[in-house]
Amino acid sequence: MRHPIAPTAFAALLLAAAAATPATAIETIDCSRDRSPAERTICSSQRLQVLDAQVTESYADIMLDSHIKGSVKHAVHESQLDFLKRREACGRDVECLTEVMGRRSTRINYYR
């Protein structure tokens, strides 16, 4: 069973994972900055923000898990980069973003 982690602990996990992986794959969306159309759309929707946080948390968990082999982490990293490209291709399409991010939220957990 997964336990929710405190925001400060989550931030620490993200920082640690960011040191081990390229930032583009682990970065959460900073809604205070002017971002891409897809990211602005995510920032305007609480549901999409929740999906983004779930994907980011799952990715960080996998990348920081010492029991997961490097080859699996590499595959997860590559699939995360592919996901980010698909997410950006949705642009302002909420339905597309919901589908792409929901699918990623489910599929990333297959790596555990």
N, C-alpha and C. Protein backbone atom coordinates (compact mmCIF):
# COMPACT_ATOMS: atom_id res chain seq x y z
N MET A 1 0.84 -1.18 0.00
CA MET A 1 0.00 0.00 0.00
C MET A 1 0.88 1.24 0.00
N ARG A 2 0.59 2.17 -0.87
CA ARG A 2 1.34 3.42 -0.92
C ARG A 2 0.83 4.36 0.13
N HIS A 3 1.77 5.04 0.77
CA HIS A 3 1.42 6.05 1.75
C HIS A 3 1.72 7.42 1.16
N PRO A 4 0.83 8.36 1.39
CA PRO A 4 1.12 9.70 0.89
C PRO A 4 2.35 10.24 1.61
N ILE A 5 3.13 11.03 0.90
CA ILE A 5 4.30 11.61 1.53
C ILE A 5 4.09 13.10 1.69
N ALA A 6 4.69 13.63 2.73
CA ALA A 6 4.55 15.06 3.01
C ALA A 6 5.15 15.86 1.87
N PRO A 7 4.60 17.04 1.61
CA PRO A 7 5.13 17.86 0.51
C PRO A 7 6.63 18.13 0.62
N THR A 8 7.13 18.35 1.83
CA THR A 8 8.57 18.61 1.97
C THR A 8 9.38 17.36 1.67
N ALA A 9 8.88 16.21 2.06
CA ALA A 9 9.57 14.96 1.75
C ALA A 9 9.53 14.70 0.25
N PHE A 10 8.40 15.00 -0.36
CA PHE A 10 8.27 14.82 -1.81
C PHE A 10 9.24 15.74 -2.54
N ALA A 11 9.34 16.98 -2.08
CA ALA A 11 10.28 17.92 -2.69
C ALA A 11 11.71 17.41 -2.56
N ALA A 12 12.05 16.85 -1.41
CA ALA A 12 13.40 16.30 -1.21
C ALA A 12 13.64 15.13 -2.15
N LEU A 13 12.62 14.28 -2.34
CA LEU A 13 12.75 13.16 -3.28
C LEU A 13 12.98 13.67 -4.70
N LEU A 14 12.24 14.68 -5.08
CA LEU A 14 12.39 15.23 -6.42
C LEU A 14 13.78 15.81 -6.62
N LEU A 15 14.28 16.50 -5.62
CA LEU A 15 15.63 17.07 -5.73
C LEU A 15 16.68 15.97 -5.85
N ALA A 16 16.53 14.92 -5.05
CA ALA A 16 17.48 13.82 -5.11
C ALA A 16 17.40 13.11 -6.45
N ALA A 17 16.20 12.89 -6.93
CA ALA A 17 16.03 12.22 -8.22
C ALA A 17 16.54 13.10 -9.36
N ALA A 18 16.33 14.39 -9.23
CA ALA A 18 16.80 15.31 -10.26
C ALA A 18 18.31 15.28 -10.38
N ALA A 19 18.98 15.06 -9.28
CA ALA A 19 20.44 14.97 -9.32
C ALA A 19 20.90 13.72 -10.07
N ALA A 20 20.04 12.70 -10.09
CA ALA A 20 20.40 11.43 -10.72
C ALA A 20 19.89 11.31 -12.15
N THR A 21 18.96 12.19 -12.55
CA THR A 21 18.36 12.08 -13.87
C THR A 21 18.23 13.47 -14.50
N PRO A 22 18.08 13.52 -15.81
CA PRO A 22 17.89 14.82 -16.45
C PRO A 22 16.63 15.51 -15.93
N ALA A 23 16.70 16.80 -15.73
CA ALA A 23 15.60 17.56 -15.14
C ALA A 23 14.33 17.48 -15.96
N THR A 24 14.43 17.37 -17.26
CA THR A 24 13.23 17.37 -18.09
C THR A 24 12.34 16.18 -17.81
N ALA A 25 12.86 15.12 -17.25
CA ALA A 25 12.06 13.93 -17.02
C ALA A 25 11.41 13.92 -15.64
N ILE A 26 11.87 14.73 -14.70
CA ILE A 26 11.34 14.65 -13.34
C ILE A 26 10.67 15.94 -12.89
N GLU A 27 10.83 16.95 -13.63
CA GLU A 27 10.33 18.28 -13.28
C GLU A 27 8.82 18.31 -13.14
N THR A 28 8.36 18.90 -12.06
CA THR A 28 6.93 19.17 -11.95
C THR A 28 6.68 20.53 -12.59
N ILE A 29 5.46 20.77 -12.94
CA ILE A 29 5.12 22.02 -13.63
C ILE A 29 5.08 23.16 -12.61
N ASP A 30 5.79 24.22 -12.93
CA ASP A 30 5.78 25.44 -12.12
C ASP A 30 4.74 26.37 -12.73
N CYS A 31 3.56 26.40 -12.13
CA CYS A 31 2.45 27.16 -12.70
C CYS A 31 2.64 28.67 -12.57
N SER A 32 3.64 29.09 -11.82
CA SER A 32 3.88 30.53 -11.70
C SER A 32 4.69 31.07 -12.88
N ARG A 33 5.23 30.19 -13.69
CA ARG A 33 6.01 30.59 -14.87
C ARG A 33 5.15 30.47 -16.12
N ASP A 34 5.51 31.23 -17.12
CA ASP A 34 4.84 31.11 -18.42
C ASP A 34 5.39 29.85 -19.09
N ARG A 35 4.52 28.91 -19.34
CA ARG A 35 4.93 27.61 -19.87
C ARG A 35 4.29 27.36 -21.23
N SER A 36 4.44 26.13 -21.69
CA SER A 36 3.85 25.71 -22.97
C SER A 36 2.33 25.68 -22.86
N PRO A 37 1.64 25.63 -24.01
CA PRO A 37 0.17 25.54 -23.97
C PRO A 37 -0.32 24.34 -23.14
N ALA A 38 0.33 23.20 -23.27
CA ALA A 38 -0.09 22.02 -22.50
C ALA A 38 0.08 22.27 -21.01
N GLU A 39 1.19 22.83 -20.62
CA GLU A 39 1.43 23.08 -19.20
C GLU A 39 0.50 24.14 -18.65
N ARG A 40 0.19 25.16 -19.44
CA ARG A 40 -0.78 26.18 -18.99
C ARG A 40 -2.16 25.54 -18.80
N THR A 41 -2.51 24.62 -19.67
CA THR A 41 -3.79 23.92 -19.55
C THR A 41 -3.80 23.06 -18.30
N ILE A 42 -2.71 22.37 -18.04
CA ILE A 42 -2.61 21.55 -16.83
C ILE A 42 -2.76 22.44 -15.60
N CYS A 43 -2.10 23.57 -15.61
CA CYS A 43 -2.17 24.50 -14.47
C CYS A 43 -3.58 25.04 -14.25
N SER A 44 -4.40 25.06 -15.28
CA SER A 44 -5.75 25.59 -15.15
C SER A 44 -6.76 24.54 -14.69
N SER A 45 -6.31 23.31 -14.50
CA SER A 45 -7.21 22.22 -14.13
C SER A 45 -6.68 21.47 -12.90
N GLN A 46 -7.46 21.45 -11.85
CA GLN A 46 -7.05 20.72 -10.65
C GLN A 46 -6.88 19.24 -10.94
N ARG A 47 -7.78 18.67 -11.73
CA ARG A 47 -7.68 17.24 -12.06
C ARG A 47 -6.37 16.94 -12.79
N LEU A 48 -6.02 17.77 -13.75
CA LEU A 48 -4.77 17.56 -14.49
C LEU A 48 -3.55 17.78 -13.60
N GLN A 49 -3.64 18.71 -12.67
CA GLN A 49 -2.54 18.91 -11.74
C GLN A 49 -2.34 17.68 -10.85
N VAL A 50 -3.45 17.06 -10.45
CA VAL A 50 -3.37 15.84 -9.64
C VAL A 50 -2.72 14.72 -10.46
N LEU A 51 -3.15 14.56 -11.71
CA LEU A 51 -2.54 13.54 -12.57
C LEU A 51 -1.05 13.80 -12.76
N ASP A 52 -0.68 15.05 -12.96
CA ASP A 52 0.74 15.41 -13.11
C ASP A 52 1.52 15.04 -11.86
N ALA A 53 0.96 15.34 -10.70
CA ALA A 53 1.64 15.01 -9.44
C ALA A 53 1.77 13.51 -9.26
N GLN A 54 0.75 12.75 -9.65
CA GLN A 54 0.81 11.28 -9.53
C GLN A 54 1.91 10.71 -10.42
N VAL A 55 1.98 11.19 -11.65
CA VAL A 55 3.00 10.71 -12.58
C VAL A 55 4.39 11.06 -12.05
N THR A 56 4.56 12.29 -11.61
CA THR A 56 5.86 12.74 -11.11
C THR A 56 6.26 11.96 -9.87
N GLU A 57 5.34 11.74 -8.96
CA GLU A 57 5.64 10.99 -7.74
C GLU A 57 6.01 9.55 -8.06
N SER A 58 5.26 8.91 -8.94
CA SER A 58 5.57 7.53 -9.32
C SER A 58 6.94 7.44 -9.98
N TYR A 59 7.23 8.39 -10.86
CA TYR A 59 8.54 8.41 -11.53
C TYR A 59 9.65 8.58 -10.51
N ALA A 60 9.50 9.51 -9.59
CA ALA A 60 10.52 9.74 -8.56
C ALA A 60 10.69 8.50 -7.70
N ASP A 61 9.58 7.87 -7.31
CA ASP A 61 9.66 6.65 -6.49
C ASP A 61 10.48 5.56 -7.19
N ILE A 62 10.21 5.37 -8.46
CA ILE A 62 10.93 4.33 -9.21
C ILE A 62 12.40 4.68 -9.33
N MET A 63 12.70 5.91 -9.68
CA MET A 63 14.09 6.31 -9.89
C MET A 63 14.90 6.27 -8.60
N LEU A 64 14.25 6.41 -7.45
CA LEU A 64 14.95 6.40 -6.17
C LEU A 64 14.95 5.03 -5.49
N ASP A 65 14.24 4.07 -6.04
CA ASP A 65 14.14 2.74 -5.43
C ASP A 65 15.42 1.95 -5.71
N SER A 66 16.15 1.65 -4.66
CA SER A 66 17.42 0.95 -4.82
C SER A 66 17.23 -0.52 -5.22
N HIS A 67 16.03 -1.03 -5.15
CA HIS A 67 15.75 -2.42 -5.52
C HIS A 67 15.45 -2.58 -7.01
N ILE A 68 15.29 -1.48 -7.71
CA ILE A 68 14.97 -1.52 -9.13
C ILE A 68 16.27 -1.41 -9.91
N LYS A 69 16.48 -2.34 -10.84
CA LYS A 69 17.71 -2.39 -11.63
C LYS A 69 17.88 -1.16 -12.50
N GLY A 70 19.14 -0.85 -12.79
CA GLY A 70 19.48 0.28 -13.64
C GLY A 70 18.85 0.19 -15.01
N SER A 71 18.79 -1.02 -15.58
CA SER A 71 18.20 -1.17 -16.91
C SER A 71 16.71 -0.84 -16.90
N VAL A 72 16.03 -1.15 -15.80
CA VAL A 72 14.62 -0.82 -15.68
C VAL A 72 14.47 0.69 -15.52
N LYS A 73 15.34 1.29 -14.70
CA LYS A 73 15.29 2.75 -14.53
C LYS A 73 15.54 3.45 -15.85
N HIS A 74 16.43 2.92 -16.65
CA HIS A 74 16.70 3.51 -17.96
C HIS A 74 15.44 3.45 -18.83
N ALA A 75 14.77 2.30 -18.82
CA ALA A 75 13.54 2.13 -19.60
C ALA A 75 12.46 3.10 -19.10
N VAL A 76 12.36 3.26 -17.79
CA VAL A 76 11.37 4.18 -17.22
C VAL A 76 11.70 5.61 -17.64
N HIS A 77 12.96 5.95 -17.59
CA HIS A 77 13.38 7.30 -17.99
C HIS A 77 13.05 7.56 -19.46
N GLU A 78 13.36 6.61 -20.32
CA GLU A 78 13.06 6.78 -21.75
C GLU A 78 11.56 6.88 -21.99
N SER A 79 10.78 6.06 -21.28
CA SER A 79 9.34 6.12 -21.46
C SER A 79 8.78 7.44 -20.90
N GLN A 80 9.43 8.00 -19.88
CA GLN A 80 8.99 9.29 -19.34
C GLN A 80 9.22 10.40 -20.36
N LEU A 81 10.36 10.35 -21.03
CA LEU A 81 10.63 11.34 -22.07
C LEU A 81 9.61 11.24 -23.20
N ASP A 82 9.26 10.01 -23.59
CA ASP A 82 8.24 9.81 -24.62
C ASP A 82 6.88 10.36 -24.15
N PHE A 83 6.55 10.09 -22.89
CA PHE A 83 5.30 10.59 -22.33
C PHE A 83 5.26 12.13 -22.38
N LEU A 84 6.36 12.77 -22.00
CA LEU A 84 6.40 14.23 -22.00
C LEU A 84 6.18 14.79 -23.41
N LYS A 85 6.71 14.12 -24.41
CA LYS A 85 6.49 14.55 -25.79
C LYS A 85 5.03 14.41 -26.18
N ARG A 86 4.41 13.27 -25.80
CA ARG A 86 2.99 13.06 -26.11
C ARG A 86 2.12 14.07 -25.38
N ARG A 87 2.48 14.34 -24.11
CA ARG A 87 1.72 15.32 -23.33
C ARG A 87 1.79 16.70 -23.99
N GLU A 88 2.96 17.11 -24.41
CA GLU A 88 3.12 18.42 -25.04
C GLU A 88 2.38 18.49 -26.37
N ALA A 89 2.31 17.38 -27.08
CA ALA A 89 1.61 17.35 -28.37
C ALA A 89 0.11 17.60 -28.20
N CYS A 90 -0.42 17.39 -27.00
CA CYS A 90 -1.84 17.64 -26.75
C CYS A 90 -2.16 19.13 -26.77
N GLY A 91 -1.19 19.96 -26.50
CA GLY A 91 -1.45 21.39 -26.47
C GLY A 91 -2.51 21.75 -25.46
N ARG A 92 -3.54 22.45 -25.89
CA ARG A 92 -4.62 22.91 -25.00
C ARG A 92 -5.80 21.93 -24.92
N ASP A 93 -5.66 20.77 -25.53
CA ASP A 93 -6.75 19.79 -25.58
C ASP A 93 -6.86 19.03 -24.25
N VAL A 94 -7.83 19.42 -23.43
CA VAL A 94 -8.00 18.84 -22.09
C VAL A 94 -8.27 17.34 -22.17
N GLU A 95 -9.10 16.93 -23.13
CA GLU A 95 -9.42 15.51 -23.27
C GLU A 95 -8.16 14.70 -23.60
N CYS A 96 -7.35 15.20 -24.51
CA CYS A 96 -6.10 14.53 -24.87
C CYS A 96 -5.17 14.46 -23.66
N LEU A 97 -5.02 15.57 -22.94
CA LEU A 97 -4.15 15.60 -21.76
C LEU A 97 -4.63 14.61 -20.70
N THR A 98 -5.94 14.58 -20.48
CA THR A 98 -6.50 13.66 -19.49
C THR A 98 -6.20 12.22 -19.87
N GLU A 99 -6.37 11.90 -21.15
CA GLU A 99 -6.11 10.53 -21.62
C GLU A 99 -4.62 10.17 -21.51
N VAL A 100 -3.77 11.03 -22.03
CA VAL A 100 -2.32 10.74 -22.04
C VAL A 100 -1.78 10.65 -20.62
N MET A 101 -2.16 11.59 -19.77
CA MET A 101 -1.65 11.59 -18.40
C MET A 101 -2.26 10.47 -17.57
N GLY A 102 -3.53 10.16 -17.77
CA GLY A 102 -4.15 9.05 -17.06
C GLY A 102 -3.52 7.72 -17.43
N ARG A 103 -3.25 7.54 -18.72
CA ARG A 103 -2.60 6.32 -19.19
C ARG A 103 -1.20 6.20 -18.57
N ARG A 104 -0.45 7.31 -18.55
CA ARG A 104 0.89 7.28 -17.98
C ARG A 104 0.85 6.97 -16.49
N SER A 105 -0.11 7.57 -15.78
CA SER A 105 -0.24 7.34 -14.35
C SER A 105 -0.46 5.86 -14.05
N THR A 106 -1.20 5.18 -14.90
CA THR A 106 -1.45 3.74 -14.72
C THR A 106 -0.24 2.92 -15.16
N ARG A 107 0.29 3.21 -16.33
CA ARG A 107 1.35 2.37 -16.89
C ARG A 107 2.69 2.49 -16.17
N ILE A 108 3.00 3.64 -15.63
CA ILE A 108 4.31 3.78 -14.98
C ILE A 108 4.42 2.85 -13.78
N ASN A 109 3.29 2.51 -13.19
CA ASN A 109 3.32 1.63 -12.03
C ASN A 109 3.57 0.17 -12.38
N TYR A 110 3.53 -0.17 -13.66
CA TYR A 110 3.89 -1.53 -14.09
C TYR A 110 5.37 -1.81 -13.86
N TYR A 111 6.17 -0.76 -13.76
CA TYR A 111 7.60 -0.94 -13.57
C TYR A 111 7.98 -1.30 -12.14
N ARG A 112 7.04 -1.18 -11.23
CA ARG A 112 7.34 -1.48 -9.82
C ARG A 112 7.34 -2.95 -9.56
